[in-house]
């Protein structure tokens, strides 16, 4: 059992960095081992878990999963086709987790399984020039036989951490997006992508915008239409930072969706941030958490850096 676990970890730690297929496959079989005694795991089950994880990473964060952005791995192309179908079918660009809309998608699991048979199922067992004996698989078969399935289940927490860490390492080679580790961790069982209330930021935004003028349309906002907008979309940043927040009408905010802001908006945001920092310092709020973070963002030119990365 110890040897099996060590071999499994070696495959994870020494996997190719060309794409994330091995990480997605490993995570799927560990997840499917939980509360299971049957050693037979069908590739369609694995495809479903991989599709869910890739969907959530792509639709929320648009993470690149391979070394050639102009030619994504075949499985990722299928994920993107499904996302485009979802957007066109629902006439929206508001992202949804896979678990919520799976039943409405025209998923061709037969095609996904064929990709796994060709590119992943047998290659996962390759460790350099050697082949490890983690499960039995006959080329072209529809399932793997994993005799040590209970070992994976018993060590699932450790394995999830190791897989997530290695997956993050690989993704950081292809992506300039911040907080990659947190985005990968959002796949964890039972964990949802939660959005916190932005109401605590209102006193800070009021400092330079007490009349509450919409950042997008430049018109006053009535209380019942007031919202706080992430200038660089939340789906890219995955965080709430004062330097990136402005007042906007609810309608303007929802219509904007995940569009990357124009340079003129970035320039206005930068100007607002300088003005806001000066006023917060005059109000003796320089030692407050948000004020400190705002000053750091200005000194490190976060607006420009993250805007360029988002583009």
C-alpha atoms as a PDB file:
ATOM      1  CA  UNK A   1       0.000   0.000   0.000  1.00  0.00           C
ATOM      2  CA  UNK A   2       2.814   2.390   0.906  1.00  0.00           C
ATOM      3  CA  UNK A   3       4.587   1.582  -2.363  1.00  0.00           C
ATOM      4  CA  UNK A   4       1.367   2.204  -4.325  1.00  0.00           C
ATOM      5  CA  UNK A   5       0.845   5.588  -2.691  1.00  0.00           C
ATOM      6  CA  UNK A   6       4.480   6.568  -3.271  1.00  0.00           C
ATOM      7  CA  UNK A   7       4.225   5.635  -6.933  1.00  0.00           C
ATOM      8  CA  UNK A   8       1.019   7.628  -7.307  1.00  0.00           C
ATOM      9  CA  UNK A   9       2.710  10.668  -5.767  1.00  0.00           C
ATOM     10  CA  UNK A  10       5.750  10.221  -8.028  1.00  0.00           C
ATOM     11  CA  UNK A  11       3.536  10.318 -11.115  1.00  0.00           C
ATOM     12  CA  UNK A  12       1.939  13.556  -9.880  1.00  0.00           C
ATOM     13  CA  UNK A  13       5.220  15.186  -8.934  1.00  0.00           C
ATOM     14  CA  UNK A  14       7.001  14.224 -12.164  1.00  0.00           C
ATOM     15  CA  UNK A  15       4.211  14.711 -14.664  1.00  0.00           C
ATOM     16  CA  UNK A  16       4.743  16.534 -17.950  1.00  0.00           C
ATOM     17  CA  UNK A  17       4.263  20.304 -17.867  1.00  0.00           C
ATOM     18  CA  UNK A  18       2.920  20.509 -21.448  1.00  0.00           C
ATOM     19  CA  UNK A  19      -0.681  20.365 -20.231  1.00  0.00           C
ATOM     20  CA  UNK A  20      -2.770  19.509 -17.154  1.00  0.00           C
ATOM     21  CA  UNK A  21      -4.331  16.251 -18.383  1.00  0.00           C
ATOM     22  CA  UNK A  22      -2.569  14.072 -15.803  1.00  0.00           C
ATOM     23  CA  UNK A  23      -3.650  16.348 -12.955  1.00  0.00           C
ATOM     24  CA  UNK A  24      -7.268  16.353 -14.101  1.00  0.00           C
ATOM     25  CA  UNK A  25      -7.207  12.555 -14.529  1.00  0.00           C
ATOM     26  CA  UNK A  26      -5.549  11.966 -11.142  1.00  0.00           C
ATOM     27  CA  UNK A  27      -7.981  14.235  -9.350  1.00  0.00           C
ATOM     28  CA  UNK A  28     -10.934  12.505 -10.983  1.00  0.00           C
ATOM     29  CA  UNK A  29      -9.926   8.978  -9.984  1.00  0.00           C
ATOM     30  CA  UNK A  30      -9.151  10.090  -6.409  1.00  0.00           C
ATOM     31  CA  UNK A  31     -12.539  11.778  -6.188  1.00  0.00           C
ATOM     32  CA  UNK A  32     -14.298   8.710  -7.623  1.00  0.00           C
ATOM     33  CA  UNK A  33     -12.549   6.426  -5.126  1.00  0.00           C
ATOM     34  CA  UNK A  34     -14.325   8.034  -2.164  1.00  0.00           C
ATOM     35  CA  UNK A  35     -17.098   5.869  -0.658  1.00  0.00           C
ATOM     36  CA  UNK A  36     -16.533   3.226  -3.346  1.00  0.00           C
ATOM     37  CA  UNK A  37     -15.587  -0.439  -3.133  1.00  0.00           C
ATOM     38  CA  UNK A  38     -15.883  -1.472  -6.791  1.00  0.00           C
ATOM     39  CA  UNK A  39     -12.355  -1.265  -8.310  1.00  0.00           C
ATOM     40  CA  UNK A  40     -13.806  -0.730 -11.780  1.00  0.00           C
ATOM     41  CA  UNK A  41     -13.960   2.959 -12.754  1.00  0.00           C
ATOM     42  CA  UNK A  42     -15.459   3.773 -16.131  1.00  0.00           C
ATOM     43  CA  UNK A  43     -13.839   6.379 -18.348  1.00  0.00           C
ATOM     44  CA  UNK A  44     -17.193   8.114 -18.764  1.00  0.00           C
ATOM     45  CA  UNK A  45     -17.255   8.716 -14.993  1.00  0.00           C
ATOM     46  CA  UNK A  46     -13.753  10.150 -15.178  1.00  0.00           C
ATOM     47  CA  UNK A  47     -14.706  12.295 -18.182  1.00  0.00           C
ATOM     48  CA  UNK A  48     -17.629  13.777 -16.257  1.00  0.00           C
ATOM     49  CA  UNK A  49     -15.444  14.827 -13.311  1.00  0.00           C
ATOM     50  CA  UNK A  50     -12.753  16.216 -15.605  1.00  0.00           C
ATOM     51  CA  UNK A  51     -15.363  18.126 -17.593  1.00  0.00           C
ATOM     52  CA  UNK A  52     -16.777  19.653 -14.407  1.00  0.00           C
ATOM     53  CA  UNK A  53     -13.384  20.777 -13.138  1.00  0.00           C
ATOM     54  CA  UNK A  54     -12.219  22.128 -16.483  1.00  0.00           C
ATOM     55  CA  UNK A  55     -15.566  23.874 -17.011  1.00  0.00           C
ATOM     56  CA  UNK A  56     -15.400  25.675 -13.657  1.00  0.00           C
ATOM     57  CA  UNK A  57     -11.782  26.719 -14.187  1.00  0.00           C
ATOM     58  CA  UNK A  58     -12.495  27.938 -17.718  1.00  0.00           C
ATOM     59  CA  UNK A  59     -15.863  29.675 -17.458  1.00  0.00           C
ATOM     60  CA  UNK A  60     -14.933  31.610 -14.291  1.00  0.00           C
ATOM     61  CA  UNK A  61     -11.210  32.190 -14.770  1.00  0.00           C
ATOM     62  CA  UNK A  62     -10.355  31.300 -18.404  1.00  0.00           C
ATOM     63  CA  UNK A  63      -7.237  29.466 -17.256  1.00  0.00           C
ATOM     64  CA  UNK A  64      -4.984  28.214 -20.069  1.00  0.00           C
ATOM     65  CA  UNK A  65      -4.396  24.462 -19.624  1.00  0.00           C
ATOM     66  CA  UNK A  66      -1.611  23.842 -22.154  1.00  0.00           C
ATOM     67  CA  UNK A  67       1.676  25.245 -23.373  1.00  0.00           C
ATOM     68  CA  UNK A  68       0.246  26.340 -26.745  1.00  0.00           C
ATOM     69  CA  UNK A  69      -2.625  28.843 -26.196  1.00  0.00           C
ATOM     70  CA  UNK A  70      -3.467  28.874 -29.931  1.00  0.00           C
ATOM     71  CA  UNK A  71      -3.916  25.091 -29.895  1.00  0.00           C
ATOM     72  CA  UNK A  72      -5.536  24.017 -26.585  1.00  0.00           C
ATOM     73  CA  UNK A  73      -5.665  20.336 -25.602  1.00  0.00           C
ATOM     74  CA  UNK A  74      -8.522  18.540 -27.380  1.00  0.00           C
ATOM     75  CA  UNK A  75     -10.515  17.978 -24.188  1.00  0.00           C
ATOM     76  CA  UNK A  76     -10.343  21.728 -23.429  1.00  0.00           C
ATOM     77  CA  UNK A  77     -11.641  22.519 -26.924  1.00  0.00           C
ATOM     78  CA  UNK A  78     -14.719  20.432 -26.159  1.00  0.00           C
ATOM     79  CA  UNK A  79     -15.174  22.286 -22.871  1.00  0.00           C
ATOM     80  CA  UNK A  80     -14.996  25.637 -24.675  1.00  0.00           C
ATOM     81  CA  UNK A  81     -17.519  24.513 -27.290  1.00  0.00           C
ATOM     82  CA  UNK A  82     -19.946  23.629 -24.499  1.00  0.00           C
ATOM     83  CA  UNK A  83     -19.376  26.985 -22.789  1.00  0.00           C
ATOM     84  CA  UNK A  84     -20.086  28.810 -26.047  1.00  0.00           C
ATOM     85  CA  UNK A  85     -23.255  26.755 -26.485  1.00  0.00           C
ATOM     86  CA  UNK A  86     -24.329  27.670 -22.951  1.00  0.00           C
ATOM     87  CA  UNK A  87     -23.773  31.395 -23.560  1.00  0.00           C
ATOM     88  CA  UNK A  88     -25.685  31.339 -26.858  1.00  0.00           C
ATOM     89  CA  UNK A  89     -28.490  29.114 -25.597  1.00  0.00           C
ATOM     90  CA  UNK A  90     -29.090  31.145 -22.428  1.00  0.00           C
ATOM     91  CA  UNK A  91     -28.339  34.472 -24.175  1.00  0.00           C
ATOM     92  CA  UNK A  92     -26.089  35.470 -21.301  1.00  0.00           C
ATOM     93  CA  UNK A  93     -22.409  35.707 -20.424  1.00  0.00           C
ATOM     94  CA  UNK A  94     -22.952  35.279 -16.697  1.00  0.00           C
ATOM     95  CA  UNK A  95     -20.869  32.219 -15.712  1.00  0.00           C
ATOM     96  CA  UNK A  96     -22.497  29.273 -13.963  1.00  0.00           C
ATOM     97  CA  UNK A  97     -20.932  26.305 -12.220  1.00  0.00           C
ATOM     98  CA  UNK A  98     -21.149  23.051 -14.160  1.00  0.00           C
ATOM     99  CA  UNK A  99     -23.154  21.388 -11.393  1.00  0.00           C
ATOM    100  CA  UNK A 100     -25.992  23.860 -11.911  1.00  0.00           C
ATOM    101  CA  UNK A 101     -26.418  23.567 -15.676  1.00  0.00           C
ATOM    102  CA  UNK A 102     -25.079  20.108 -16.597  1.00  0.00           C
ATOM    103  CA  UNK A 103     -28.523  18.748 -17.534  1.00  0.00           C
ATOM    104  CA  UNK A 104     -29.061  21.508 -20.120  1.00  0.00           C
ATOM    105  CA  UNK A 105     -25.816  20.842 -22.019  1.00  0.00           C
ATOM    106  CA  UNK A 106     -25.503  18.627 -25.143  1.00  0.00           C
ATOM    107  CA  UNK A 107     -22.532  16.695 -23.765  1.00  0.00           C
ATOM    108  CA  UNK A 108     -20.981  14.111 -26.089  1.00  0.00           C
ATOM    109  CA  UNK A 109     -19.401  11.821 -23.499  1.00  0.00           C
ATOM    110  CA  UNK A 110     -18.525   9.302 -26.203  1.00  0.00           C
ATOM    111  CA  UNK A 111     -16.198  11.872 -27.777  1.00  0.00           C
ATOM    112  CA  UNK A 112     -14.699  12.875 -24.413  1.00  0.00           C
ATOM    113  CA  UNK A 113     -14.026   9.215 -23.594  1.00  0.00           C
ATOM    114  CA  UNK A 114     -12.317   8.733 -26.967  1.00  0.00           C
ATOM    115  CA  UNK A 115      -9.987  11.632 -26.128  1.00  0.00           C
ATOM    116  CA  UNK A 116      -9.130  10.043 -22.772  1.00  0.00           C
ATOM    117  CA  UNK A 117      -8.471   6.675 -24.423  1.00  0.00           C
ATOM    118  CA  UNK A 118      -6.119   8.303 -26.909  1.00  0.00           C
ATOM    119  CA  UNK A 119      -4.285  10.832 -24.768  1.00  0.00           C
ATOM    120  CA  UNK A 120      -4.562  10.112 -21.034  1.00  0.00           C
ATOM    121  CA  UNK A 121      -5.647   6.683 -19.774  1.00  0.00           C
ATOM    122  CA  UNK A 122      -2.471   4.791 -20.693  1.00  0.00           C
ATOM    123  CA  UNK A 123      -0.058   7.743 -20.599  1.00  0.00           C
ATOM    124  CA  UNK A 124      -0.836   8.383 -16.938  1.00  0.00           C
ATOM    125  CA  UNK A 125       1.028   5.183 -16.093  1.00  0.00           C
ATOM    126  CA  UNK A 126       4.243   6.416 -17.720  1.00  0.00           C
ATOM    127  CA  UNK A 127       6.879   7.654 -15.295  1.00  0.00           C
ATOM    128  CA  UNK A 128       9.713   8.780 -17.510  1.00  0.00           C
ATOM    129  CA  UNK A 129      10.849   5.732 -19.454  1.00  0.00           C
ATOM    130  CA  UNK A 130       9.316   3.408 -16.887  1.00  0.00           C
ATOM    131  CA  UNK A 131       5.725   2.269 -16.432  1.00  0.00           C
ATOM    132  CA  UNK A 132       4.107   2.152 -12.993  1.00  0.00           C
ATOM    133  CA  UNK A 133       1.520  -0.402 -11.928  1.00  0.00           C
ATOM    134  CA  UNK A 134      -1.190   1.840 -10.440  1.00  0.00           C
ATOM    135  CA  UNK A 135      -4.152   0.286 -12.209  1.00  0.00           C
ATOM    136  CA  UNK A 136      -4.904  -2.226 -14.949  1.00  0.00           C
ATOM    137  CA  UNK A 137      -5.931  -0.851 -18.291  1.00  0.00           C
ATOM    138  CA  UNK A 138      -6.227  -2.527 -21.675  1.00  0.00           C
ATOM    139  CA  UNK A 139      -5.746  -0.012 -24.498  1.00  0.00           C
ATOM    140  CA  UNK A 140      -9.162   0.943 -25.889  1.00  0.00           C
ATOM    141  CA  UNK A 141     -11.137  -0.368 -22.893  1.00  0.00           C
ATOM    142  CA  UNK A 142     -13.968   1.646 -21.317  1.00  0.00           C
ATOM    143  CA  UNK A 143     -12.739   1.276 -17.725  1.00  0.00           C
ATOM    144  CA  UNK A 144      -9.701   0.947 -15.487  1.00  0.00           C
ATOM    145  CA  UNK A 145      -9.283  -1.582 -12.665  1.00  0.00           C
ATOM    146  CA  UNK A 146      -7.891   0.036  -9.529  1.00  0.00           C
ATOM    147  CA  UNK A 147      -7.220  -2.657  -6.927  1.00  0.00           C
ATOM    148  CA  UNK A 148      -5.939  -0.136  -4.353  1.00  0.00           C
ATOM    149  CA  UNK A 149      -8.970   2.107  -4.614  1.00  0.00           C
ATOM    150  CA  UNK A 150      -9.367   2.233  -0.827  1.00  0.00           C
ATOM    151  CA  UNK A 151      -5.804   3.578  -0.464  1.00  0.00           C
ATOM    152  CA  UNK A 152      -6.774   6.548  -2.635  1.00  0.00           C
ATOM    153  CA  UNK A 153      -9.943   7.093  -0.618  1.00  0.00           C
ATOM    154  CA  UNK A 154      -8.139   6.924   2.726  1.00  0.00           C
ATOM    155  CA  UNK A 155      -5.496   9.411   1.563  1.00  0.00           C
ATOM    156  CA  UNK A 156      -7.774  11.633  -0.526  1.00  0.00           C
ATOM    157  CA  UNK A 157      -7.183  14.816   1.487  1.00  0.00           C
ATOM    158  CA  UNK A 158      -3.402  14.526   1.104  1.00  0.00           C
ATOM    159  CA  UNK A 159      -3.716  13.652  -2.580  1.00  0.00           C
ATOM    160  CA  UNK A 160      -6.048  16.557  -3.336  1.00  0.00           C
ATOM    161  CA  UNK A 161      -3.504  18.925  -1.799  1.00  0.00           C
ATOM    162  CA  UNK A 162      -0.608  17.437  -3.782  1.00  0.00           C
ATOM    163  CA  UNK A 163      -2.580  17.413  -7.050  1.00  0.00           C
ATOM    164  CA  UNK A 164      -3.805  20.978  -6.535  1.00  0.00           C
ATOM    165  CA  UNK A 165      -0.268  22.159  -5.785  1.00  0.00           C
ATOM    166  CA  UNK A 166       1.181  20.490  -8.891  1.00  0.00           C
ATOM    167  CA  UNK A 167      -1.748  21.659 -11.040  1.00  0.00           C
ATOM    168  CA  UNK A 168      -1.106  25.222  -9.840  1.00  0.00           C
ATOM    169  CA  UNK A 169       2.607  24.934 -10.667  1.00  0.00           C
ATOM    170  CA  UNK A 170       1.785  23.869 -14.224  1.00  0.00           C
ATOM    171  CA  UNK A 171      -0.884  26.558 -14.699  1.00  0.00           C
ATOM    172  CA  UNK A 172       1.434  29.318 -13.486  1.00  0.00           C
ATOM    173  CA  UNK A 173       3.661  28.628 -16.514  1.00  0.00           C
ATOM    174  CA  UNK A 174       0.801  29.435 -18.908  1.00  0.00           C
ATOM    175  CA  UNK A 175      -1.190  32.060 -16.996  1.00  0.00           C
ATOM    176  CA  UNK A 176      -0.428  35.520 -15.626  1.00  0.00           C
ATOM    177  CA  UNK A 177      -3.729  35.490 -13.750  1.00  0.00           C
ATOM    178  CA  UNK A 178      -3.370  36.139  -9.991  1.00  0.00           C
ATOM    179  CA  UNK A 179      -4.375  33.699  -7.242  1.00  0.00           C
ATOM    180  CA  UNK A 180      -4.108  30.596  -9.424  1.00  0.00           C
ATOM    181  CA  UNK A 181      -3.870  28.342  -6.366  1.00  0.00           C
ATOM    182  CA  UNK A 182      -7.151  29.661  -4.994  1.00  0.00           C
ATOM    183  CA  UNK A 183      -8.829  29.183  -8.364  1.00  0.00           C
ATOM    184  CA  UNK A 184      -7.653  25.577  -8.552  1.00  0.00           C
ATOM    185  CA  UNK A 185      -8.802  24.953  -4.978  1.00  0.00           C
ATOM    186  CA  UNK A 186     -12.306  26.102  -5.919  1.00  0.00           C
ATOM    187  CA  UNK A 187     -12.747  22.609  -7.420  1.00  0.00           C
ATOM    188  CA  UNK A 188     -12.635  20.973  -3.989  1.00  0.00           C
ATOM    189  CA  UNK A 189     -15.641  18.909  -3.048  1.00  0.00           C
ATOM    190  CA  UNK A 190     -18.338  20.983  -1.415  1.00  0.00           C
ATOM    191  CA  UNK A 191     -16.553  24.276  -2.027  1.00  0.00           C
ATOM    192  CA  UNK A 192     -18.468  26.919  -3.958  1.00  0.00           C
ATOM    193  CA  UNK A 193     -17.245  30.139  -5.483  1.00  0.00           C
ATOM    194  CA  UNK A 194     -18.698  32.559  -2.972  1.00  0.00           C
ATOM    195  CA  UNK A 195     -19.057  36.282  -3.450  1.00  0.00           C
ATOM    196  CA  UNK A 196     -18.930  38.457  -0.317  1.00  0.00           C
ATOM    197  CA  UNK A 197     -21.045  41.536   0.276  1.00  0.00           C
ATOM    198  CA  UNK A 198     -19.373  44.714  -0.974  1.00  0.00           C
ATOM    199  CA  UNK A 199     -21.400  46.991   1.315  1.00  0.00           C
ATOM    200  CA  UNK A 200     -18.434  47.505   3.724  1.00  0.00           C
ATOM    201  CA  UNK A 201     -16.635  49.352   0.901  1.00  0.00           C
ATOM    202  CA  UNK A 202     -19.318  52.050   0.630  1.00  0.00           C
ATOM    203  CA  UNK A 203     -17.813  54.447   3.221  1.00  0.00           C
ATOM    204  CA  UNK A 204     -14.535  54.384   1.287  1.00  0.00           C
ATOM    205  CA  UNK A 205     -16.146  54.873  -2.129  1.00  0.00           C
ATOM    206  CA  UNK A 206     -18.228  57.733  -0.728  1.00  0.00           C
ATOM    207  CA  UNK A 207     -15.039  59.660   0.072  1.00  0.00           C
ATOM    208  CA  UNK A 208     -14.520  60.622  -3.576  1.00  0.00           C
ATOM    209  CA  UNK A 209     -18.014  59.888  -4.901  1.00  0.00           C
ATOM    210  CA  UNK A 210     -20.489  61.096  -2.281  1.00  0.00           C
ATOM    211  CA  UNK A 211     -23.063  61.880  -4.995  1.00  0.00           C
ATOM    212  CA  UNK A 212     -22.748  58.283  -6.192  1.00  0.00           C
ATOM    213  CA  UNK A 213     -22.213  58.863  -9.902  1.00  0.00           C
ATOM    214  CA  UNK A 214     -22.093  55.741 -12.061  1.00  0.00           C
ATOM    215  CA  UNK A 215     -18.562  54.942 -13.224  1.00  0.00           C
ATOM    216  CA  UNK A 216     -19.951  53.468 -16.454  1.00  0.00           C
ATOM    217  CA  UNK A 217     -22.674  55.867 -17.650  1.00  0.00           C
ATOM    218  CA  UNK A 218     -21.703  58.916 -15.534  1.00  0.00           C
ATOM    219  CA  UNK A 219     -25.282  59.481 -14.287  1.00  0.00           C
ATOM    220  CA  UNK A 220     -26.451  59.666 -10.630  1.00  0.00           C
ATOM    221  CA  UNK A 221     -27.564  56.393  -9.053  1.00  0.00           C
ATOM    222  CA  UNK A 222     -30.732  56.041  -6.963  1.00  0.00           C
ATOM    223  CA  UNK A 223     -30.337  53.912  -3.845  1.00  0.00           C
ATOM    224  CA  UNK A 224     -32.446  51.060  -5.226  1.00  0.00           C
ATOM    225  CA  UNK A 225     -30.179  50.864  -8.305  1.00  0.00           C
ATOM    226  CA  UNK A 226     -26.853  51.188  -6.487  1.00  0.00           C
ATOM    227  CA  UNK A 227     -24.240  48.471  -6.981  1.00  0.00           C
ATOM    228  CA  UNK A 228     -20.476  48.177  -6.674  1.00  0.00           C
ATOM    229  CA  UNK A 229     -18.604  47.143  -9.801  1.00  0.00           C
ATOM    230  CA  UNK A 230     -15.218  45.466 -10.266  1.00  0.00           C
ATOM    231  CA  UNK A 231     -13.579  47.516 -13.024  1.00  0.00           C
ATOM    232  CA  UNK A 232     -11.287  44.600 -13.865  1.00  0.00           C
ATOM    233  CA  UNK A 233     -13.867  41.769 -13.739  1.00  0.00           C
ATOM    234  CA  UNK A 234     -14.135  39.679 -10.586  1.00  0.00           C
ATOM    235  CA  UNK A 235     -13.974  36.525 -12.696  1.00  0.00           C
ATOM    236  CA  UNK A 236     -10.381  37.447 -13.509  1.00  0.00           C
ATOM    237  CA  UNK A 237      -9.320  38.878 -10.139  1.00  0.00           C
ATOM    238  CA  UNK A 238     -11.286  36.495  -7.895  1.00  0.00           C
ATOM    239  CA  UNK A 239     -11.004  39.068  -5.109  1.00  0.00           C
ATOM    240  CA  UNK A 240     -12.537  42.296  -3.788  1.00  0.00           C
ATOM    241  CA  UNK A 241     -10.000  45.142  -3.598  1.00  0.00           C
ATOM    242  CA  UNK A 242     -10.793  48.790  -2.964  1.00  0.00           C
ATOM    243  CA  UNK A 243      -8.473  49.911  -5.788  1.00  0.00           C
ATOM    244  CA  UNK A 244     -10.655  47.956  -8.274  1.00  0.00           C
ATOM    245  CA  UNK A 245     -14.129  48.927  -6.967  1.00  0.00           C
ATOM    246  CA  UNK A 246     -16.432  51.728  -8.114  1.00  0.00           C
ATOM    247  CA  UNK A 247     -20.118  52.652  -7.934  1.00  0.00           C
ATOM    248  CA  UNK A 248     -22.322  51.652 -10.887  1.00  0.00           C
ATOM    249  CA  UNK A 249     -25.999  51.194 -11.705  1.00  0.00           C
ATOM    250  CA  UNK A 250     -27.142  47.600 -11.288  1.00  0.00           C
ATOM    251  CA  UNK A 251     -28.149  47.610 -14.949  1.00  0.00           C
ATOM    252  CA  UNK A 252     -24.826  49.041 -16.153  1.00  0.00           C
ATOM    253  CA  UNK A 253     -22.982  46.523 -14.005  1.00  0.00           C
ATOM    254  CA  UNK A 254     -24.909  43.492 -15.300  1.00  0.00           C
ATOM    255  CA  UNK A 255     -24.671  44.596 -18.946  1.00  0.00           C
ATOM    256  CA  UNK A 256     -20.907  44.969 -18.662  1.00  0.00           C
ATOM    257  CA  UNK A 257     -20.513  41.249 -17.892  1.00  0.00           C
ATOM    258  CA  UNK A 258     -16.845  40.078 -18.137  1.00  0.00           C
ATOM    259  CA  UNK A 259     -15.658  42.682 -20.639  1.00  0.00           C
ATOM    260  CA  UNK A 260     -12.120  43.949 -20.042  1.00  0.00           C
ATOM    261  CA  UNK A 261     -12.202  47.755 -19.515  1.00  0.00           C
ATOM    262  CA  UNK A 262     -10.911  50.239 -22.077  1.00  0.00           C
ATOM    263  CA  UNK A 263      -7.749  52.230 -21.442  1.00  0.00           C
ATOM    264  CA  UNK A 264      -9.795  55.376 -20.716  1.00  0.00           C
ATOM    265  CA  UNK A 265     -11.550  53.548 -17.866  1.00  0.00           C
ATOM    266  CA  UNK A 266      -8.218  52.370 -16.487  1.00  0.00           C
ATOM    267  CA  UNK A 267      -6.915  55.944 -16.551  1.00  0.00           C
ATOM    268  CA  UNK A 268     -10.012  57.167 -14.691  1.00  0.00           C
ATOM    269  CA  UNK A 269      -9.628  54.374 -12.141  1.00  0.00           C
ATOM    270  CA  UNK A 270      -5.990  55.304 -11.558  1.00  0.00           C
ATOM    271  CA  UNK A 271      -6.920  58.966 -11.066  1.00  0.00           C
ATOM    272  CA  UNK A 272      -9.652  58.007  -8.626  1.00  0.00           C
ATOM    273  CA  UNK A 273      -7.247  55.853  -6.648  1.00  0.00           C
ATOM    274  CA  UNK A 274      -4.682  58.656  -6.248  1.00  0.00           C
ATOM    275  CA  UNK A 275      -7.396  61.078  -5.142  1.00  0.00           C
ATOM    276  CA  UNK A 276      -8.936  58.533  -2.781  1.00  0.00           C
ATOM    277  CA  UNK A 277      -5.611  57.714  -1.117  1.00  0.00           C
ATOM    278  CA  UNK A 278      -4.837  61.386  -0.483  1.00  0.00           C
ATOM    279  CA  UNK A 279      -8.238  61.991   1.104  1.00  0.00           C
ATOM    280  CA  UNK A 280      -8.050  58.854   3.227  1.00  0.00           C
ATOM    281  CA  UNK A 281      -4.679  59.983   4.558  1.00  0.00           C
ATOM    282  CA  UNK A 282      -6.120  63.401   5.382  1.00  0.00           C
ATOM    283  CA  UNK A 283      -8.883  61.634   7.288  1.00  0.00           C
ATOM    284  CA  UNK A 284      -6.205  59.806   9.318  1.00  0.00           C
ATOM    285  CA  UNK A 285      -7.211  56.449   7.906  1.00  0.00           C
ATOM    286  CA  UNK A 286      -3.710  55.724   6.621  1.00  0.00           C
ATOM    287  CA  UNK A 287      -3.254  52.781   8.965  1.00  0.00           C
ATOM    288  CA  UNK A 288      -6.548  51.151   8.108  1.00  0.00           C
ATOM    289  CA  UNK A 289      -6.446  47.873   6.163  1.00  0.00           C
ATOM    290  CA  UNK A 290      -8.096  49.104   2.946  1.00  0.00           C
ATOM    291  CA  UNK A 291      -6.049  52.308   2.933  1.00  0.00           C
ATOM    292  CA  UNK A 292      -2.816  50.358   3.280  1.00  0.00           C
ATOM    293  CA  UNK A 293      -3.864  47.989   0.462  1.00  0.00           C
ATOM    294  CA  UNK A 294      -4.797  50.958  -1.732  1.00  0.00           C
ATOM    295  CA  UNK A 295      -1.375  52.542  -1.216  1.00  0.00           C
ATOM    296  CA  UNK A 296       0.337  49.246  -2.006  1.00  0.00           C
ATOM    297  CA  UNK A 297      -1.747  48.874  -5.175  1.00  0.00           C
ATOM    298  CA  UNK A 298      -0.704  52.344  -6.346  1.00  0.00           C
ATOM    299  CA  UNK A 299       2.974  51.795  -5.529  1.00  0.00           C
ATOM    300  CA  UNK A 300       2.976  48.427  -7.299  1.00  0.00           C
ATOM    301  CA  UNK A 301       0.884  49.693 -10.237  1.00  0.00           C
ATOM    302  CA  UNK A 302      -1.677  46.904  -9.790  1.00  0.00           C
ATOM    303  CA  UNK A 303      -4.296  48.529 -12.026  1.00  0.00           C
ATOM    304  CA  UNK A 304      -2.015  48.606 -15.047  1.00  0.00           C
ATOM    305  CA  UNK A 305      -0.433  45.200 -14.382  1.00  0.00           C
ATOM    306  CA  UNK A 306      -3.678  43.292 -13.887  1.00  0.00           C
ATOM    307  CA  UNK A 307      -5.377  45.119 -16.761  1.00  0.00           C
ATOM    308  CA  UNK A 308      -2.595  44.109 -19.148  1.00  0.00           C
ATOM    309  CA  UNK A 309      -2.695  40.521 -17.845  1.00  0.00           C
ATOM    310  CA  UNK A 310      -6.463  40.391 -18.299  1.00  0.00           C
ATOM    311  CA  UNK A 311      -6.094  41.546 -21.900  1.00  0.00           C
END
